[in-house]
Amino acid sequence: MNKRLLNTIELTKTIINMLTRKFILSLVLVVIVAFNTKAQQLPQYSNYMINNYAMNPAVAGSNPYFEGISTNRYQWVGLTDAPRTYILTAQGPTKSLNVGLGGSLYTDIVGPTRRIGASFSYAYHLKLNDKVKLSMGLSAGVVQLTVDGSKIALRDPGDMVLSNGLQSVIAPDFGAGLYAYSVDKKWYVGASIPQILQSKINFVEISTATLSKMTRHYYITAGYKYKLNEDFVLEPSTCIKYAKPATLQFDLGIRAIYHDKIWLGAVYRYMDAAAAIVGYKLQENLSLAYSYDFTTSNIRRYSSGTHEIMIAIRFHKVQPKITPIAEPAATEQK
């Protein structure tokens, strides 16, 4: 067997090994993501009705003030390498109240994987009539996906591809949404598509196609406020989620709000959990909310539940820009 043939065989073995390692890495990512949210890549929130902007860029500017919201979610406490999500959003309108601007920073950690990103959004609000507005929003940003190979135990301990430390990839991220709402804030209906570009994720630089990608998600949210009396408002809401190939998921929630200051509520997440929600408005511009998820799936055997803490700050109320009306010219007396 000549030297050229031996070199060809060795090169073929090397390529096969690299492809095999790449497949293993992709498989690990798919398994972790699927374990996290039943094949949905993006995190979920029990307080979705308070911060709709986290899922829909068209929400930006729907209120006459700027608001920053910090959400910290600790999922399946007690489970090793359980998901942890941190997101900070800020959004509000321009003086014309026809344009909304916003942005978000977030980190989502699941076992050896980490997702860090930032996005900015633009929304334009149309007045359909005296009572209803429709907002159209777009978001753009970047996401860094990281895998810590040192936290993954492989059958072959000498496999240096995954055991040498961190591997990361940066991908663009775009989203779009629609948001219809009443001027008096009595009801809303929204639809959004995060990760609409479905950017491919390739941790190993080989000139072959990868099956790993940022899956397109579909969200529908809706809510309505019933005024029971002078003291209480009842707000039922829902959040429907779908990401192929996962099954359709939905949340059903309800809040009882007392004097727009204190609220108690509950959320049922189909085949996953039931959550209790409590919130309090300390001042006109500062609110706190907490939810505890009681896991109903088989994970309840290993977890003591999920905690979610939210802090909202209204830091700038926008006064609408009013165009002065010109006074009619005085008529000359004859």
Protein backbone atom coordinates (compact mmCIF):
# COMPACT_ATOMS: atom_id res chain seq x y z
CA MET A 1 0.00 0.00 0.00
CA ASN A 2 1.67 3.26 -1.16
CA LYS A 3 2.08 6.37 0.93
CA ARG A 4 -0.49 8.41 -1.02
CA LEU A 5 -3.20 5.83 -0.35
CA LEU A 6 -2.32 5.75 3.36
CA ASN A 7 -2.58 9.54 3.54
CA THR A 8 -5.98 9.42 1.81
CA ILE A 9 -7.24 6.83 4.30
CA GLU A 10 -6.01 8.88 7.27
CA LEU A 11 -7.60 12.05 5.87
CA THR A 12 -10.89 10.19 5.38
CA LYS A 13 -10.79 8.92 8.97
CA THR A 14 -10.13 12.44 10.25
CA ILE A 15 -13.09 13.87 8.32
CA ILE A 16 -15.37 11.07 9.54
CA ASN A 17 -14.30 11.66 13.16
CA MET A 18 -14.94 15.40 12.86
CA LEU A 19 -18.36 14.82 11.32
CA THR A 20 -19.18 12.32 14.05
CA ARG A 21 -18.18 14.80 16.75
CA LYS A 22 -20.21 17.50 15.07
CA PHE A 23 -23.23 15.21 15.03
CA ILE A 24 -22.73 14.40 18.73
CA LEU A 25 -22.52 18.10 19.58
CA SER A 26 -25.69 18.88 17.62
CA LEU A 27 -27.46 15.94 19.25
CA VAL A 28 -26.47 17.16 22.73
CA LEU A 29 -27.85 20.62 21.96
CA VAL A 30 -31.11 19.23 20.59
CA VAL A 31 -31.62 16.98 23.64
CA ILE A 32 -30.92 19.81 26.09
CA VAL A 33 -33.22 22.24 24.31
CA ALA A 34 -35.98 19.68 24.01
CA PHE A 35 -35.67 18.84 27.71
CA ASN A 36 -35.90 22.51 28.56
CA THR A 37 -39.19 23.43 26.88
CA LYS A 38 -40.46 20.40 25.00
CA ALA A 39 -38.60 21.33 21.79
CA GLN A 40 -39.18 25.08 22.15
CA GLN A 41 -35.90 26.98 22.19
CA LEU A 42 -37.14 30.21 23.77
CA PRO A 43 -37.89 30.55 27.49
CA GLN A 44 -41.42 30.86 28.84
CA TYR A 45 -42.80 33.24 31.47
CA SER A 46 -45.62 32.90 33.97
CA ASN A 47 -46.02 36.70 34.12
CA TYR A 48 -46.48 37.00 30.35
CA MET A 49 -49.51 39.27 30.79
CA ILE A 50 -47.38 41.91 32.55
CA ASN A 51 -44.54 42.02 30.01
CA ASN A 52 -45.98 41.23 26.59
CA TYR A 53 -43.09 43.11 25.00
CA ALA A 54 -40.72 40.22 25.86
CA MET A 55 -42.55 38.17 23.21
CA ASN A 56 -43.89 40.79 20.81
CA PRO A 57 -41.97 43.86 19.49
CA ALA A 58 -45.25 45.51 18.40
CA VAL A 59 -46.12 46.14 22.08
CA ALA A 60 -43.45 48.87 22.24
CA GLY A 61 -45.09 52.26 22.70
CA SER A 62 -48.60 51.00 23.42
CA ASN A 63 -48.57 52.81 26.78
CA PRO A 64 -47.89 56.57 27.23
CA TYR A 65 -44.73 55.98 29.25
CA PHE A 66 -41.37 54.26 29.10
CA GLU A 67 -41.06 51.16 31.23
CA GLY A 68 -38.17 48.90 32.17
CA ILE A 69 -38.86 45.36 33.38
CA SER A 70 -36.41 42.86 34.83
CA THR A 71 -37.45 39.20 34.97
CA ASN A 72 -35.48 36.46 36.71
CA ARG A 73 -36.78 32.91 36.29
CA TYR A 74 -35.36 29.88 38.12
CA GLN A 75 -36.98 26.83 36.61
CA TRP A 76 -37.25 23.38 38.20
CA VAL A 77 -35.35 24.24 41.39
CA GLY A 78 -33.54 21.20 42.79
CA LEU A 79 -32.83 19.70 39.38
CA THR A 80 -29.17 19.64 38.35
CA ASP A 81 -28.35 22.15 35.58
CA ALA A 82 -31.94 23.39 35.53
CA PRO A 83 -32.81 26.38 33.26
CA ARG A 84 -32.20 29.92 34.46
CA THR A 85 -33.43 32.93 32.52
CA TYR A 86 -32.65 36.62 33.00
CA ILE A 87 -34.16 39.29 30.76
CA LEU A 88 -34.20 43.09 30.91
CA THR A 89 -36.54 45.01 28.61
CA ALA A 90 -37.21 48.71 28.10
CA GLN A 91 -39.77 50.25 25.76
CA GLY A 92 -41.93 53.31 25.28
CA PRO A 93 -43.41 55.77 22.78
CA THR A 94 -42.10 58.87 21.02
CA LYS A 95 -43.81 62.22 21.55
CA SER A 96 -46.13 61.68 18.62
CA LEU A 97 -47.35 58.43 20.27
CA ASN A 98 -47.39 56.84 16.80
CA VAL A 99 -43.96 55.23 17.10
CA GLY A 100 -42.67 52.89 19.81
CA LEU A 101 -39.03 52.04 20.49
CA GLY A 102 -37.62 49.28 22.67
CA GLY A 103 -34.77 46.94 23.43
CA SER A 104 -33.89 43.88 25.46
CA LEU A 105 -30.89 42.07 26.96
CA TYR A 106 -31.22 38.43 27.98
CA THR A 107 -29.36 35.34 29.15
CA ASP A 108 -30.78 31.82 29.10
CA ILE A 109 -28.70 29.08 30.75
CA VAL A 110 -29.50 25.37 30.47
CA GLY A 111 -26.85 22.93 31.71
CA PRO A 112 -23.69 23.36 29.58
CA THR A 113 -25.42 25.68 27.10
CA ARG A 114 -25.86 29.44 27.29
CA ARG A 115 -27.82 31.84 25.11
CA ILE A 116 -26.95 35.55 25.36
CA GLY A 117 -28.55 38.17 23.17
CA ALA A 118 -29.58 41.74 22.59
CA SER A 119 -32.28 43.16 20.34
CA PHE A 120 -33.84 46.48 19.39
CA SER A 121 -37.33 47.07 18.07
CA TYR A 122 -39.43 49.59 16.17
CA ALA A 123 -43.23 49.70 16.19
CA TYR A 124 -45.67 51.90 14.30
CA HIS A 125 -49.17 52.45 15.71
CA LEU A 126 -52.18 53.05 13.46
CA LYS A 127 -55.43 54.48 14.78
CA LEU A 128 -58.15 52.30 13.24
CA ASN A 129 -60.92 54.31 14.89
CA ASP A 130 -61.54 56.30 18.06
CA LYS A 131 -61.36 53.18 20.22
CA VAL A 132 -58.88 50.78 18.57
CA LYS A 133 -55.22 50.94 17.55
CA LEU A 134 -53.09 48.48 15.59
CA SER A 135 -49.33 48.29 16.02
CA MET A 136 -46.84 46.67 13.61
CA GLY A 137 -43.42 45.91 15.05
CA LEU A 138 -40.04 44.60 13.92
CA SER A 139 -37.03 43.56 16.01
CA ALA A 140 -33.41 42.94 15.10
CA GLY A 141 -30.49 41.72 17.18
CA VAL A 142 -27.72 39.21 17.68
CA VAL A 143 -27.52 36.01 19.71
CA GLN A 144 -24.43 34.22 21.01
CA LEU A 145 -24.90 30.49 21.65
CA THR A 146 -22.24 28.83 23.80
CA VAL A 147 -21.51 25.24 24.80
CA ASP A 148 -19.14 24.39 27.65
CA GLY A 149 -17.63 21.08 26.54
CA SER A 150 -15.97 20.52 29.92
CA LYS A 151 -19.45 19.98 31.44
CA ILE A 152 -20.38 17.24 28.96
CA ALA A 153 -19.34 13.66 29.77
CA LEU A 154 -18.55 11.65 26.63
CA ARG A 155 -17.85 7.97 26.17
CA ASP A 156 -14.43 8.82 24.77
CA PRO A 157 -12.65 10.99 27.38
CA GLY A 158 -9.93 11.79 24.85
CA ASP A 159 -12.32 13.57 22.50
CA MET A 160 -10.80 17.04 22.53
CA VAL A 161 -13.51 18.67 20.42
CA LEU A 162 -15.92 18.94 23.35
CA SER A 163 -13.66 18.69 26.38
CA ASN A 164 -11.35 21.61 25.69
CA GLY A 165 -13.70 24.29 26.96
CA LEU A 166 -16.11 26.78 25.45
CA GLN A 167 -17.39 26.78 21.91
CA SER A 168 -19.62 29.60 20.70
CA VAL A 169 -21.29 30.97 17.61
CA ILE A 170 -22.93 34.33 16.92
CA ALA A 171 -26.03 34.54 14.75
CA PRO A 172 -28.39 37.34 13.64
CA ASP A 173 -31.92 37.34 15.01
CA PHE A 174 -35.06 39.01 13.64
CA GLY A 175 -38.69 39.04 14.74
CA ALA A 176 -42.03 40.59 13.76
CA GLY A 177 -45.37 41.15 15.43
CA LEU A 178 -48.84 42.66 15.34
CA TYR A 179 -50.67 44.09 18.35
CA ALA A 180 -54.27 45.32 18.39
CA TYR A 181 -55.54 47.06 21.53
CA SER A 182 -58.24 49.39 22.77
CA VAL A 183 -57.34 52.99 23.55
CA ASP A 184 -58.75 52.60 27.07
CA LYS A 185 -56.48 49.51 27.65
CA LYS A 186 -59.50 47.30 28.23
CA TRP A 187 -58.38 44.51 25.84
CA TYR A 188 -55.51 43.43 23.59
CA VAL A 189 -54.70 40.74 21.02
CA GLY A 190 -51.17 40.12 19.77
CA ALA A 191 -49.36 37.77 17.37
CA SER A 192 -45.61 37.51 16.91
CA ILE A 193 -42.91 35.40 15.24
CA PRO A 194 -39.49 35.44 16.99
CA GLN A 195 -36.44 33.94 15.27
CA ILE A 196 -38.16 34.45 11.93
CA LEU A 197 -34.84 34.20 10.03
CA GLN A 198 -34.08 30.70 11.42
CA SER A 199 -30.31 31.31 11.46
CA LYS A 200 -28.19 28.18 11.23
CA ILE A 201 -25.96 27.20 14.16
CA ASN A 202 -22.59 25.68 13.26
CA PHE A 203 -20.09 25.09 16.07
CA VAL A 204 -17.61 23.18 13.88
CA GLU A 205 -16.22 24.86 10.78
CA ILE A 206 -16.70 22.16 8.17
CA SER A 207 -18.08 22.83 4.70
CA THR A 208 -21.18 20.69 5.24
CA ALA A 209 -24.76 21.55 5.96
CA THR A 210 -25.89 21.68 9.59
CA LEU A 211 -29.29 20.66 10.92
CA SER A 212 -29.01 22.95 13.97
CA LYS A 213 -30.87 26.23 13.63
CA MET A 214 -32.81 28.85 15.58
CA THR A 215 -36.35 27.54 15.20
CA ARG A 216 -39.13 29.93 14.22
CA HIS A 217 -41.70 30.36 17.02
CA TYR A 218 -45.31 31.52 16.87
CA TYR A 219 -47.00 33.37 19.74
CA ILE A 220 -50.57 34.58 20.22
CA THR A 221 -51.52 36.54 23.33
CA ALA A 222 -54.83 38.06 24.39
CA GLY A 223 -56.36 39.63 27.48
CA TYR A 224 -59.47 41.47 28.64
CA LYS A 225 -60.19 43.55 31.75
CA TYR A 226 -63.63 43.22 33.34
CA LYS A 227 -64.51 45.92 35.84
CA LEU A 228 -66.41 44.06 38.57
CA ASN A 229 -67.00 47.14 40.74
CA GLU A 230 -65.21 50.26 41.92
CA ASP A 231 -62.60 48.17 43.73
CA PHE A 232 -61.85 45.10 41.60
CA VAL A 233 -60.89 44.37 37.99
CA LEU A 234 -60.74 40.80 36.68
CA GLU A 235 -58.28 40.09 33.85
CA PRO A 236 -58.41 36.74 32.03
CA SER A 237 -55.58 36.15 29.53
CA THR A 238 -53.99 33.50 27.34
CA CYS A 239 -50.67 32.80 25.63
CA ILE A 240 -50.55 30.25 22.80
CA LYS A 241 -47.14 28.95 21.68
CA TYR A 242 -46.00 26.78 18.80
CA ALA A 243 -42.59 25.78 17.45
CA LYS A 244 -42.19 22.93 15.01
CA PRO A 245 -41.95 19.99 15.75
CA ALA A 246 -43.32 20.61 19.27
CA THR A 247 -47.00 20.22 20.01
CA LEU A 248 -49.16 23.31 20.45
CA GLN A 249 -48.88 24.71 23.98
CA PHE A 250 -51.04 27.26 25.74
CA ASP A 251 -51.28 29.14 29.02
CA LEU A 252 -54.55 30.25 30.59
CA GLY A 253 -54.28 32.96 33.21
CA ILE A 254 -56.46 35.18 35.37
CA ARG A 255 -55.73 38.10 37.70
CA ALA A 256 -57.90 39.87 40.26
CA ILE A 257 -56.63 43.47 40.58
CA TYR A 258 -57.55 45.65 43.56
CA HIS A 259 -57.45 49.43 42.97
CA ASP A 260 -54.74 48.91 40.32
CA LYS A 261 -52.35 48.32 43.24
CA ILE A 262 -52.52 44.70 44.41
CA TRP A 263 -53.21 41.61 42.34
CA LEU A 264 -53.53 37.88 42.84
CA GLY A 265 -53.74 35.39 40.01
CA ALA A 266 -53.13 31.95 38.62
CA VAL A 267 -51.86 30.44 35.37
CA TYR A 268 -52.38 26.96 34.00
CA ARG A 269 -49.78 25.75 31.48
CA TYR A 270 -51.08 22.75 29.53
CA MET A 271 -49.38 19.48 30.55
CA ASP A 272 -46.59 21.35 32.34
CA ALA A 273 -47.44 23.44 35.39
CA ALA A 274 -49.86 25.59 37.37
CA ALA A 275 -48.61 28.91 38.74
CA ALA A 276 -49.70 31.24 41.53
CA ILE A 277 -49.08 34.96 40.95
CA VAL A 278 -48.95 37.89 43.34
CA GLY A 279 -48.06 41.51 42.64
CA TYR A 280 -47.91 44.88 44.36
CA LYS A 281 -47.46 48.42 43.10
CA LEU A 282 -45.24 50.14 45.66
CA GLN A 283 -45.52 53.53 44.04
CA GLU A 284 -46.99 54.91 40.85
CA ASN A 285 -43.76 54.03 39.02
CA LEU A 286 -42.56 50.86 40.78
CA SER A 287 -44.15 47.38 40.77
CA LEU A 288 -43.10 43.95 42.01
CA ALA A 289 -44.48 40.56 40.94
CA TYR A 290 -43.72 36.99 41.94
CA SER A 291 -44.94 33.66 40.64
CA TYR A 292 -44.42 30.10 41.82
CA ASP A 293 -44.94 27.24 39.37
CA PHE A 294 -46.20 23.89 40.65
CA THR A 295 -44.86 21.40 38.13
CA THR A 296 -47.48 18.89 36.95
CA SER A 297 -45.29 16.86 34.57
CA ASN A 298 -43.04 13.94 35.58
CA ILE A 299 -40.31 16.44 36.48
CA ARG A 300 -42.20 17.17 39.73
CA ARG A 301 -40.52 14.06 41.18
CA TYR A 302 -37.13 15.78 40.99
CA SER A 303 -37.97 19.48 41.30
CA SER A 304 -39.44 21.65 44.06
CA GLY A 305 -40.99 24.07 41.56
CA THR A 306 -40.13 27.24 39.64
CA HIS A 307 -39.63 30.80 40.92
CA GLU A 308 -40.08 33.93 38.81
CA ILE A 309 -39.38 37.44 40.11
CA MET A 310 -40.27 40.59 38.18
CA ILE A 311 -39.50 44.26 38.84
CA ALA A 312 -41.10 46.99 36.69
CA ILE A 313 -40.14 50.67 36.69
CA ARG A 314 -41.93 53.43 34.82
CA PHE A 315 -39.29 56.09 34.40
CA HIS A 316 -40.59 58.56 31.83
CA LYS A 317 -44.15 59.55 30.97
CA VAL A 318 -44.46 60.93 27.47
CA GLN A 319 -46.64 63.97 26.94
CA PRO A 320 -48.25 63.91 23.50
CA LYS A 321 -47.01 66.50 21.06
CA ILE A 322 -49.84 68.95 20.35
CA THR A 323 -49.77 71.06 17.22
CA PRO A 324 -50.92 74.60 17.99
CA ILE A 325 -54.03 75.73 16.13
CA ALA A 326 -53.54 78.98 14.24
CA GLU A 327 -55.93 81.76 15.19
CA PRO A 328 -58.07 83.10 12.35
CA ALA A 329 -56.94 86.41 10.92
CA ALA A 330 -58.89 89.43 12.05
CA THR A 331 -61.23 90.77 9.35
CA GLU A 332 -60.85 94.38 8.35
CA GLN A 333 -63.79 96.56 9.20
CA LYS A 334 -65.26 98.60 6.42
